[in-house]
Amino acid sequence: MRPGVPLLPPPGARGPDAGLELFPLCALSAAWLPALQLVRRGSKAVTRHWKAMHFQRQKLMAVTEYLAPRPAIPPGCLPPKKETLEEDNGYVRLLRRQVEEVLRDNRMIAVCHYNSMPGEDMVLMRHYLRKHNIEVKAVFPQIARPVLSQSKYKNLLPLFVARNILLVSPEVKVKEMLRVLKGVPQVNLLGACIDDTILSRQGVENFAKLPSLEVSQGQTVGALALLPSQTSSLLQRGSAHLTALLDQHIHQLRAGEPGGPTEPSPTQSVGAQ
């Protein structure tokens, strides 16, 4: 309601109080309205203008933008692939031949993981092992794995994954090898193949605790020789006991009849019959 405009009664109303009787609430509310009302026009207080995206966000959006894959080309439309056979050079064949000779000519083959160590320590380890006729062979996994996969040592393939060295010997020198490796922490024993038997690290340690082959053979021969001797004594025990009883019986008979004729022995009676 605009200020200063009188409240007029509706048409047809008569009397001075006609407007108040018909519109009492409107008259009371108009008395409390302010004399001046302000209507705000124009822009809003919070207006968001367009702002360029930061260049880092632009890069991120460009990198993470989804790119639909291209439709696959039918195999019939592709050119035929040319199979290229990779031939090994002479040096690789030589190294593989050396690995084959090492596996064939040695009874003890120990696989160890080799960590970096000073050259002097490596020379000392080779020297101590060579005293016991144990050689150190450095092999590469890409050279040894093809050879092992085609031999009876293919179960050793999981051990050739990194830098490996082989401790080989034509004789079984497990105790000496473990004694030398105990002082070289950079070389870790992974497993071994002894007399065509693959052993783990714990198996190698248990094998080292066994007596030597000569001692085991002596114990076996002694045990085998004891059985026939016991069997022979058991077989002779009955006849010997029977002979002793007969002799005792004859002595008793002779002692009971001093003047009488002697009783013939069982052997004589058997001969007379």
C-alpha atoms as a PDB file:
ATOM      1  CA  MET A   1       0.000   0.000   0.000  1.00  0.00           C
ATOM      2  CA  ARG A   2       1.370   3.347  -0.970  1.00  0.00           C
ATOM      3  CA  PRO A   3       1.804   5.928   1.780  1.00  0.00           C
ATOM      4  CA  GLY A   4      -0.546   8.922   1.748  1.00  0.00           C
ATOM      5  CA  VAL A   5      -3.391   7.174  -0.098  1.00  0.00           C
ATOM      6  CA  PRO A   6      -6.646   7.250   1.960  1.00  0.00           C
ATOM      7  CA  LEU A   7      -8.513   4.047   2.624  1.00  0.00           C
ATOM      8  CA  LEU A   8     -11.769   4.360   0.629  1.00  0.00           C
ATOM      9  CA  PRO A   9     -14.892   2.352   1.450  1.00  0.00           C
ATOM     10  CA  PRO A  10     -16.256   0.072  -1.227  1.00  0.00           C
ATOM     11  CA  PRO A  11     -18.996   1.379  -3.500  1.00  0.00           C
ATOM     12  CA  GLY A  12     -22.469   1.346  -1.954  1.00  0.00           C
ATOM     13  CA  ALA A  13     -21.289   1.868   1.603  1.00  0.00           C
ATOM     14  CA  ARG A  14     -22.875   4.691   3.546  1.00  0.00           C
ATOM     15  CA  GLY A  15     -21.914   6.470   6.714  1.00  0.00           C
ATOM     16  CA  PRO A  16     -18.584   7.609   8.095  1.00  0.00           C
ATOM     17  CA  ASP A  17     -17.731   4.174   9.528  1.00  0.00           C
ATOM     18  CA  ALA A  18     -18.621   2.174   6.491  1.00  0.00           C
ATOM     19  CA  GLY A  19     -15.030   1.495   5.567  1.00  0.00           C
ATOM     20  CA  LEU A  20     -14.011   0.487   9.098  1.00  0.00           C
ATOM     21  CA  GLU A  21     -16.906  -1.897   9.486  1.00  0.00           C
ATOM     22  CA  LEU A  22     -16.150  -3.726   6.274  1.00  0.00           C
ATOM     23  CA  PHE A  23     -12.357  -3.719   6.477  1.00  0.00           C
ATOM     24  CA  PRO A  24     -11.296  -3.438  10.111  1.00  0.00           C
ATOM     25  CA  LEU A  25      -8.086  -5.479   9.698  1.00  0.00           C
ATOM     26  CA  CYS A  26      -6.915  -3.530   6.682  1.00  0.00           C
ATOM     27  CA  ALA A  27      -7.298  -0.257   8.525  1.00  0.00           C
ATOM     28  CA  LEU A  28      -5.338  -1.491  11.556  1.00  0.00           C
ATOM     29  CA  SER A  29      -2.540  -2.979   9.459  1.00  0.00           C
ATOM     30  CA  ALA A  30      -2.228   0.195   7.391  1.00  0.00           C
ATOM     31  CA  ALA A  31      -1.570   2.180  10.540  1.00  0.00           C
ATOM     32  CA  TRP A  32       1.604   0.147  11.264  1.00  0.00           C
ATOM     33  CA  LEU A  33       3.140   0.318   7.800  1.00  0.00           C
ATOM     34  CA  PRO A  34       6.218   2.531   7.447  1.00  0.00           C
ATOM     35  CA  ALA A  35       5.822   5.791   5.674  1.00  0.00           C
ATOM     36  CA  LEU A  36       8.597   4.906   3.208  1.00  0.00           C
ATOM     37  CA  GLN A  37       9.385   1.546   1.658  1.00  0.00           C
ATOM     38  CA  LEU A  38      12.570   0.881  -0.292  1.00  0.00           C
ATOM     39  CA  VAL A  39      12.577  -1.613  -3.135  1.00  0.00           C
ATOM     40  CA  ARG A  40      16.079  -2.840  -4.108  1.00  0.00           C
ATOM     41  CA  ARG A  41      16.727  -3.214  -7.769  1.00  0.00           C
ATOM     42  CA  GLY A  42      19.825  -4.110  -9.806  1.00  0.00           C
ATOM     43  CA  SER A  43      22.431  -6.910  -9.652  1.00  0.00           C
ATOM     44  CA  LYS A  44      22.594  -9.498  -6.906  1.00  0.00           C
ATOM     45  CA  ALA A  45      25.169  -9.463  -4.140  1.00  0.00           C
ATOM     46  CA  VAL A  46      26.732 -12.830  -5.144  1.00  0.00           C
ATOM     47  CA  THR A  47      27.467 -12.961  -8.824  1.00  0.00           C
ATOM     48  CA  ARG A  48      29.785 -15.693 -10.225  1.00  0.00           C
ATOM     49  CA  HIS A  49      31.570 -14.582 -13.331  1.00  0.00           C
ATOM     50  CA  TRP A  50      33.203 -16.948 -15.759  1.00  0.00           C
ATOM     51  CA  LYS A  51      36.813 -17.634 -14.936  1.00  0.00           C
ATOM     52  CA  ALA A  52      39.407 -19.498 -16.943  1.00  0.00           C
ATOM     53  CA  MET A  53      40.445 -22.935 -15.597  1.00  0.00           C
ATOM     54  CA  HIS A  54      43.891 -23.212 -14.072  1.00  0.00           C
ATOM     55  CA  PHE A  55      46.446 -24.673 -16.459  1.00  0.00           C
ATOM     56  CA  GLN A  56      47.290 -27.574 -14.116  1.00  0.00           C
ATOM     57  CA  ARG A  57      43.646 -28.527 -13.940  1.00  0.00           C
ATOM     58  CA  GLN A  58      43.435 -28.206 -17.713  1.00  0.00           C
ATOM     59  CA  LYS A  59      46.317 -30.672 -18.011  1.00  0.00           C
ATOM     60  CA  LEU A  60      44.656 -33.037 -15.562  1.00  0.00           C
ATOM     61  CA  MET A  61      41.361 -32.901 -17.431  1.00  0.00           C
ATOM     62  CA  ALA A  62      43.131 -33.475 -20.734  1.00  0.00           C
ATOM     63  CA  VAL A  63      45.043 -36.470 -19.375  1.00  0.00           C
ATOM     64  CA  THR A  64      42.003 -38.055 -17.726  1.00  0.00           C
ATOM     65  CA  GLU A  65      39.724 -37.504 -20.675  1.00  0.00           C
ATOM     66  CA  TYR A  66      38.089 -40.726 -21.782  1.00  0.00           C
ATOM     67  CA  LEU A  67      39.152 -41.904 -25.205  1.00  0.00           C
ATOM     68  CA  ALA A  68      36.941 -44.519 -26.740  1.00  0.00           C
ATOM     69  CA  PRO A  69      38.919 -47.470 -28.136  1.00  0.00           C
ATOM     70  CA  ARG A  70      39.091 -47.869 -31.823  1.00  0.00           C
ATOM     71  CA  PRO A  71      37.174 -50.764 -33.313  1.00  0.00           C
ATOM     72  CA  ALA A  72      39.312 -53.851 -33.721  1.00  0.00           C
ATOM     73  CA  ILE A  73      40.518 -54.721 -37.172  1.00  0.00           C
ATOM     74  CA  PRO A  74      39.412 -58.163 -38.357  1.00  0.00           C
ATOM     75  CA  PRO A  75      42.299 -60.656 -38.460  1.00  0.00           C
ATOM     76  CA  GLY A  76      41.647 -61.274 -42.130  1.00  0.00           C
ATOM     77  CA  CYS A  77      42.454 -57.658 -42.940  1.00  0.00           C
ATOM     78  CA  LEU A  78      45.821 -57.710 -41.194  1.00  0.00           C
ATOM     79  CA  PRO A  79      48.993 -58.570 -43.088  1.00  0.00           C
ATOM     80  CA  PRO A  80      50.459 -62.002 -42.290  1.00  0.00           C
ATOM     81  CA  LYS A  81      53.088 -62.047 -39.576  1.00  0.00           C
ATOM     82  CA  LYS A  82      56.557 -63.129 -40.507  1.00  0.00           C
ATOM     83  CA  GLU A  83      58.025 -65.600 -38.046  1.00  0.00           C
ATOM     84  CA  THR A  84      61.588 -64.691 -37.270  1.00  0.00           C
ATOM     85  CA  LEU A  85      63.771 -67.358 -35.714  1.00  0.00           C
ATOM     86  CA  GLU A  86      66.247 -65.941 -33.244  1.00  0.00           C
ATOM     87  CA  GLU A  87      69.499 -67.800 -33.557  1.00  0.00           C
ATOM     88  CA  ASP A  88      71.896 -67.838 -30.639  1.00  0.00           C
ATOM     89  CA  ASN A  89      75.356 -66.583 -31.304  1.00  0.00           C
ATOM     90  CA  GLY A  90      78.436 -68.676 -30.769  1.00  0.00           C
ATOM     91  CA  TYR A  91      79.295 -67.167 -27.383  1.00  0.00           C
ATOM     92  CA  VAL A  92      75.909 -68.102 -25.907  1.00  0.00           C
ATOM     93  CA  ARG A  93      76.225 -71.660 -27.203  1.00  0.00           C
ATOM     94  CA  LEU A  94      79.699 -71.884 -25.673  1.00  0.00           C
ATOM     95  CA  LEU A  95      78.419 -70.774 -22.254  1.00  0.00           C
ATOM     96  CA  ARG A  96      75.569 -73.277 -22.378  1.00  0.00           C
ATOM     97  CA  ARG A  97      77.967 -76.050 -23.308  1.00  0.00           C
ATOM     98  CA  GLN A  98      80.115 -75.162 -20.308  1.00  0.00           C
ATOM     99  CA  VAL A  99      77.076 -75.314 -18.016  1.00  0.00           C
ATOM    100  CA  GLU A 100      76.209 -78.750 -19.405  1.00  0.00           C
ATOM    101  CA  GLU A 101      79.743 -79.981 -18.702  1.00  0.00           C
ATOM    102  CA  VAL A 102      79.608 -78.634 -15.145  1.00  0.00           C
ATOM    103  CA  LEU A 103      76.326 -80.419 -14.467  1.00  0.00           C
ATOM    104  CA  ARG A 104      77.577 -83.661 -15.998  1.00  0.00           C
ATOM    105  CA  ASP A 105      81.041 -83.913 -14.426  1.00  0.00           C
ATOM    106  CA  ASN A 106      80.281 -83.043 -10.775  1.00  0.00           C
ATOM    107  CA  ARG A 107      78.532 -84.972  -8.035  1.00  0.00           C
ATOM    108  CA  MET A 108      77.891 -81.971  -5.787  1.00  0.00           C
ATOM    109  CA  ILE A 109      76.214 -78.882  -7.291  1.00  0.00           C
ATOM    110  CA  ALA A 110      75.235 -76.140  -4.829  1.00  0.00           C
ATOM    111  CA  VAL A 111      73.221 -73.099  -5.952  1.00  0.00           C
ATOM    112  CA  CYS A 112      73.955 -69.885  -4.025  1.00  0.00           C
ATOM    113  CA  HIS A 113      72.663 -66.323  -4.193  1.00  0.00           C
ATOM    114  CA  TYR A 114      75.522 -63.886  -4.673  1.00  0.00           C
ATOM    115  CA  ASN A 115      75.406 -60.373  -3.222  1.00  0.00           C
ATOM    116  CA  SER A 116      77.931 -57.670  -3.989  1.00  0.00           C
ATOM    117  CA  MET A 117      81.125 -58.093  -1.989  1.00  0.00           C
ATOM    118  CA  PRO A 118      84.718 -56.807  -2.176  1.00  0.00           C
ATOM    119  CA  GLY A 119      86.993 -58.508  -4.659  1.00  0.00           C
ATOM    120  CA  GLU A 120      89.458 -59.532  -1.957  1.00  0.00           C
ATOM    121  CA  ASP A 121      86.770 -61.449  -0.057  1.00  0.00           C
ATOM    122  CA  MET A 122      85.756 -63.222  -3.251  1.00  0.00           C
ATOM    123  CA  VAL A 123      89.352 -64.244  -3.936  1.00  0.00           C
ATOM    124  CA  LEU A 124      89.747 -65.572  -0.386  1.00  0.00           C
ATOM    125  CA  MET A 125      86.532 -67.565  -0.642  1.00  0.00           C
ATOM    126  CA  ARG A 126      87.672 -69.117  -3.930  1.00  0.00           C
ATOM    127  CA  HIS A 127      91.029 -69.963  -2.339  1.00  0.00           C
ATOM    128  CA  TYR A 128      89.493 -71.662   0.704  1.00  0.00           C
ATOM    129  CA  LEU A 129      87.048 -73.630  -1.436  1.00  0.00           C
ATOM    130  CA  ARG A 130      89.745 -74.691  -3.902  1.00  0.00           C
ATOM    131  CA  LYS A 131      91.647 -76.290  -1.013  1.00  0.00           C
ATOM    132  CA  HIS A 132      88.782 -78.789  -0.753  1.00  0.00           C
ATOM    133  CA  ASN A 133      88.509 -79.244  -4.541  1.00  0.00           C
ATOM    134  CA  ILE A 134      85.402 -77.040  -4.782  1.00  0.00           C
ATOM    135  CA  GLU A 135      85.164 -74.662  -7.730  1.00  0.00           C
ATOM    136  CA  VAL A 136      83.106 -71.459  -7.994  1.00  0.00           C
ATOM    137  CA  LYS A 137      81.202 -70.978 -11.264  1.00  0.00           C
ATOM    138  CA  ALA A 138      79.337 -67.754 -12.068  1.00  0.00           C
ATOM    139  CA  VAL A 139      76.283 -68.345 -14.277  1.00  0.00           C
ATOM    140  CA  PHE A 140      73.577 -66.117 -15.708  1.00  0.00           C
ATOM    141  CA  PRO A 141      69.918 -67.155 -15.392  1.00  0.00           C
ATOM    142  CA  GLN A 142      69.263 -66.559 -19.098  1.00  0.00           C
ATOM    143  CA  ILE A 143      72.097 -68.999 -19.878  1.00  0.00           C
ATOM    144  CA  ALA A 144      71.383 -71.674 -17.259  1.00  0.00           C
ATOM    145  CA  ARG A 145      67.581 -71.848 -17.474  1.00  0.00           C
ATOM    146  CA  PRO A 146      67.387 -73.240 -21.060  1.00  0.00           C
ATOM    147  CA  VAL A 147      69.972 -75.884 -20.144  1.00  0.00           C
ATOM    148  CA  LEU A 148      68.224 -76.900 -16.916  1.00  0.00           C
ATOM    149  CA  SER A 149      64.791 -77.083 -18.549  1.00  0.00           C
ATOM    150  CA  GLN A 150      66.040 -79.847 -20.865  1.00  0.00           C
ATOM    151  CA  SER A 151      67.933 -81.860 -18.249  1.00  0.00           C
ATOM    152  CA  LYS A 152      67.177 -83.867 -15.130  1.00  0.00           C
ATOM    153  CA  TYR A 153      67.922 -80.792 -13.005  1.00  0.00           C
ATOM    154  CA  LYS A 154      64.812 -78.904 -14.131  1.00  0.00           C
ATOM    155  CA  ASN A 155      63.503 -78.824 -10.552  1.00  0.00           C
ATOM    156  CA  LEU A 156      66.331 -76.378  -9.778  1.00  0.00           C
ATOM    157  CA  LEU A 157      64.815 -73.743 -12.093  1.00  0.00           C
ATOM    158  CA  PRO A 158      63.051 -71.767  -9.288  1.00  0.00           C
ATOM    159  CA  LEU A 159      66.460 -71.066  -7.715  1.00  0.00           C
ATOM    160  CA  PHE A 160      67.831 -69.256 -10.778  1.00  0.00           C
ATOM    161  CA  VAL A 161      66.084 -65.876 -10.540  1.00  0.00           C
ATOM    162  CA  ALA A 162      68.874 -63.368  -9.862  1.00  0.00           C
ATOM    163  CA  ARG A 163      72.638 -63.314  -9.470  1.00  0.00           C
ATOM    164  CA  ASN A 164      73.655 -66.902  -8.823  1.00  0.00           C
ATOM    165  CA  ILE A 165      76.898 -68.801  -8.454  1.00  0.00           C
ATOM    166  CA  LEU A 166      77.486 -72.549  -8.459  1.00  0.00           C
ATOM    167  CA  LEU A 167      79.756 -74.383  -6.028  1.00  0.00           C
ATOM    168  CA  VAL A 168      80.648 -77.635  -7.773  1.00  0.00           C
ATOM    169  CA  SER A 169      82.901 -80.516  -6.855  1.00  0.00           C
ATOM    170  CA  PRO A 170      83.466 -84.045  -8.213  1.00  0.00           C
ATOM    171  CA  GLU A 171      83.438 -85.206  -4.575  1.00  0.00           C
ATOM    172  CA  VAL A 172      80.856 -84.715  -1.869  1.00  0.00           C
ATOM    173  CA  LYS A 173      82.414 -82.076   0.411  1.00  0.00           C
ATOM    174  CA  VAL A 174      79.329 -80.720   2.153  1.00  0.00           C
ATOM    175  CA  LYS A 175      80.882 -80.113   5.571  1.00  0.00           C
ATOM    176  CA  GLU A 176      83.815 -78.197   4.128  1.00  0.00           C
ATOM    177  CA  MET A 177      81.551 -76.090   1.918  1.00  0.00           C
ATOM    178  CA  LEU A 178      79.274 -75.109   4.809  1.00  0.00           C
ATOM    179  CA  ARG A 179      82.286 -74.284   6.970  1.00  0.00           C
ATOM    180  CA  VAL A 180      83.599 -71.837   4.363  1.00  0.00           C
ATOM    181  CA  LEU A 181      80.180 -70.295   3.611  1.00  0.00           C
ATOM    182  CA  LYS A 182      79.630 -69.667   7.316  1.00  0.00           C
ATOM    183  CA  GLY A 183      82.292 -66.951   7.192  1.00  0.00           C
ATOM    184  CA  VAL A 184      80.928 -65.335   3.996  1.00  0.00           C
ATOM    185  CA  PRO A 185      77.496 -63.783   4.728  1.00  0.00           C
ATOM    186  CA  GLN A 186      77.277 -62.292   1.214  1.00  0.00           C
ATOM    187  CA  VAL A 187      76.820 -65.765  -0.294  1.00  0.00           C
ATOM    188  CA  ASN A 188      73.581 -67.515   0.717  1.00  0.00           C
ATOM    189  CA  LEU A 189      73.011 -71.189   0.025  1.00  0.00           C
ATOM    190  CA  LEU A 190      69.649 -71.827  -1.692  1.00  0.00           C
ATOM    191  CA  GLY A 191      69.795 -75.540  -2.445  1.00  0.00           C
ATOM    192  CA  ALA A 192      71.977 -78.301  -3.825  1.00  0.00           C
ATOM    193  CA  CYS A 193      71.942 -81.459  -5.890  1.00  0.00           C
ATOM    194  CA  ILE A 194      74.103 -84.204  -4.386  1.00  0.00           C
ATOM    195  CA  ASP A 195      74.378 -87.535  -6.202  1.00  0.00           C
ATOM    196  CA  ASP A 196      71.289 -86.751  -8.320  1.00  0.00           C
ATOM    197  CA  THR A 197      69.270 -85.871  -5.204  1.00  0.00           C
ATOM    198  CA  ILE A 198      67.889 -82.342  -4.856  1.00  0.00           C
ATOM    199  CA  LEU A 199      68.107 -80.971  -1.308  1.00  0.00           C
ATOM    200  CA  SER A 200      67.010 -77.724   0.285  1.00  0.00           C
ATOM    201  CA  ARG A 201      69.215 -75.648   2.552  1.00  0.00           C
ATOM    202  CA  GLN A 202      67.975 -77.529   5.610  1.00  0.00           C
ATOM    203  CA  GLY A 203      68.443 -80.815   3.791  1.00  0.00           C
ATOM    204  CA  VAL A 204      72.061 -79.935   3.004  1.00  0.00           C
ATOM    205  CA  GLU A 205      72.707 -79.106   6.664  1.00  0.00           C
ATOM    206  CA  ASN A 206      71.170 -82.418   7.739  1.00  0.00           C
ATOM    207  CA  PHE A 207      73.245 -84.243   5.123  1.00  0.00           C
ATOM    208  CA  ALA A 208      76.415 -82.698   6.537  1.00  0.00           C
ATOM    209  CA  LYS A 209      75.642 -84.201   9.963  1.00  0.00           C
ATOM    210  CA  LEU A 210      75.661 -87.744   8.582  1.00  0.00           C
ATOM    211  CA  PRO A 211      78.844 -89.859   8.958  1.00  0.00           C
ATOM    212  CA  SER A 212      81.169 -90.319   6.013  1.00  0.00           C
ATOM    213  CA  LEU A 213      80.612 -92.987   3.394  1.00  0.00           C
ATOM    214  CA  GLU A 214      83.482 -95.156   4.650  1.00  0.00           C
ATOM    215  CA  VAL A 215      82.116 -95.143   8.203  1.00  0.00           C
ATOM    216  CA  SER A 216      78.617 -95.972   6.988  1.00  0.00           C
ATOM    217  CA  GLN A 217      79.937 -98.829   4.866  1.00  0.00           C
ATOM    218  CA  GLY A 218      81.896-100.214   7.836  1.00  0.00           C
ATOM    219  CA  GLN A 219      78.803-100.079  10.041  1.00  0.00           C
ATOM    220  CA  THR A 220      76.750-101.818   7.379  1.00  0.00           C
ATOM    221  CA  VAL A 221      79.335-104.578   6.888  1.00  0.00           C
ATOM    222  CA  GLY A 222      79.563-105.116  10.648  1.00  0.00           C
ATOM    223  CA  ALA A 223      75.785-105.372  10.962  1.00  0.00           C
ATOM    224  CA  LEU A 224      75.578-107.822   8.054  1.00  0.00           C
ATOM    225  CA  ALA A 225      78.428-109.975   9.427  1.00  0.00           C
ATOM    226  CA  LEU A 226      76.828-110.128  12.866  1.00  0.00           C
ATOM    227  CA  LEU A 227      73.652-111.784  11.602  1.00  0.00           C
ATOM    228  CA  PRO A 228      75.299-114.927  10.090  1.00  0.00           C
ATOM    229  CA  SER A 229      77.446-115.404  13.187  1.00  0.00           C
ATOM    230  CA  GLN A 230      74.379-115.221  15.415  1.00  0.00           C
ATOM    231  CA  THR A 231      72.519-117.627  13.139  1.00  0.00           C
ATOM    232  CA  SER A 232      75.388-120.135  13.248  1.00  0.00           C
ATOM    233  CA  SER A 233      75.609-119.967  17.029  1.00  0.00           C
ATOM    234  CA  LEU A 234      71.859-120.460  17.343  1.00  0.00           C
ATOM    235  CA  LEU A 235      71.947-123.511  15.079  1.00  0.00           C
ATOM    236  CA  GLN A 236      74.839-125.094  16.996  1.00  0.00           C
ATOM    237  CA  ARG A 237      73.437-124.344  20.412  1.00  0.00           C
ATOM    238  CA  GLY A 238      70.904-127.230  20.371  1.00  0.00           C
ATOM    239  CA  SER A 239      73.362-129.948  19.348  1.00  0.00           C
ATOM    240  CA  ALA A 240      75.979-128.718  21.816  1.00  0.00           C
ATOM    241  CA  HIS A 241      73.440-128.692  24.633  1.00  0.00           C
ATOM    242  CA  LEU A 242      72.281-132.211  23.736  1.00  0.00           C
ATOM    243  CA  THR A 243      75.878-133.500  23.709  1.00  0.00           C
ATOM    244  CA  ALA A 244      76.525-131.980  27.121  1.00  0.00           C
ATOM    245  CA  LEU A 245      73.416-133.640  28.565  1.00  0.00           C
ATOM    246  CA  LEU A 246      74.400-137.046  27.182  1.00  0.00           C
ATOM    247  CA  ASP A 247      77.906-136.771  28.594  1.00  0.00           C
ATOM    248  CA  GLN A 248      76.518-135.858  31.982  1.00  0.00           C
ATOM    249  CA  HIS A 249      74.127-138.828  31.853  1.00  0.00           C
ATOM    250  CA  ILE A 250      76.955-141.242  31.042  1.00  0.00           C
ATOM    251  CA  HIS A 251      79.037-139.953  33.921  1.00  0.00           C
ATOM    252  CA  GLN A 252      76.100-140.409  36.273  1.00  0.00           C
ATOM    253  CA  LEU A 253      75.607-144.018  35.126  1.00  0.00           C
ATOM    254  CA  ARG A 254      79.274-144.831  35.560  1.00  0.00           C
ATOM    255  CA  ALA A 255      79.332-143.291  38.997  1.00  0.00           C
ATOM    256  CA  GLY A 256      76.248-145.318  40.130  1.00  0.00           C
ATOM    257  CA  GLU A 257      77.608-148.826  39.136  1.00  0.00           C
ATOM    258  CA  PRO A 258      81.324-149.007  39.915  1.00  0.00           C
ATOM    259  CA  GLY A 259      81.695-152.839  39.356  1.00  0.00           C
ATOM    260  CA  GLY A 260      79.064-153.324  36.707  1.00  0.00           C
ATOM    261  CA  PRO A 261      79.548-153.202  32.984  1.00  0.00           C
ATOM    262  CA  THR A 262      79.561-149.867  31.425  1.00  0.00           C
ATOM    263  CA  GLU A 263      76.506-148.902  29.467  1.00  0.00           C
ATOM    264  CA  PRO A 264      77.224-148.475  25.784  1.00  0.00           C
ATOM    265  CA  SER A 265      77.136-145.002  24.470  1.00  0.00           C
ATOM    266  CA  PRO A 266      74.280-143.910  22.221  1.00  0.00           C
ATOM    267  CA  THR A 267      76.574-143.839  19.213  1.00  0.00           C
ATOM    268  CA  GLN A 268      77.647-147.464  19.755  1.00  0.00           C
ATOM    269  CA  SER A 269      74.061-148.631  20.215  1.00  0.00           C
ATOM    270  CA  VAL A 270      73.036-146.927  17.043  1.00  0.00           C
ATOM    271  CA  GLY A 271      75.944-148.558  15.200  1.00  0.00           C
ATOM    272  CA  ALA A 272      75.001-152.007  16.542  1.00  0.00           C
ATOM    273  CA  GLN A 273      71.465-151.633  15.319  1.00  0.00           C
END
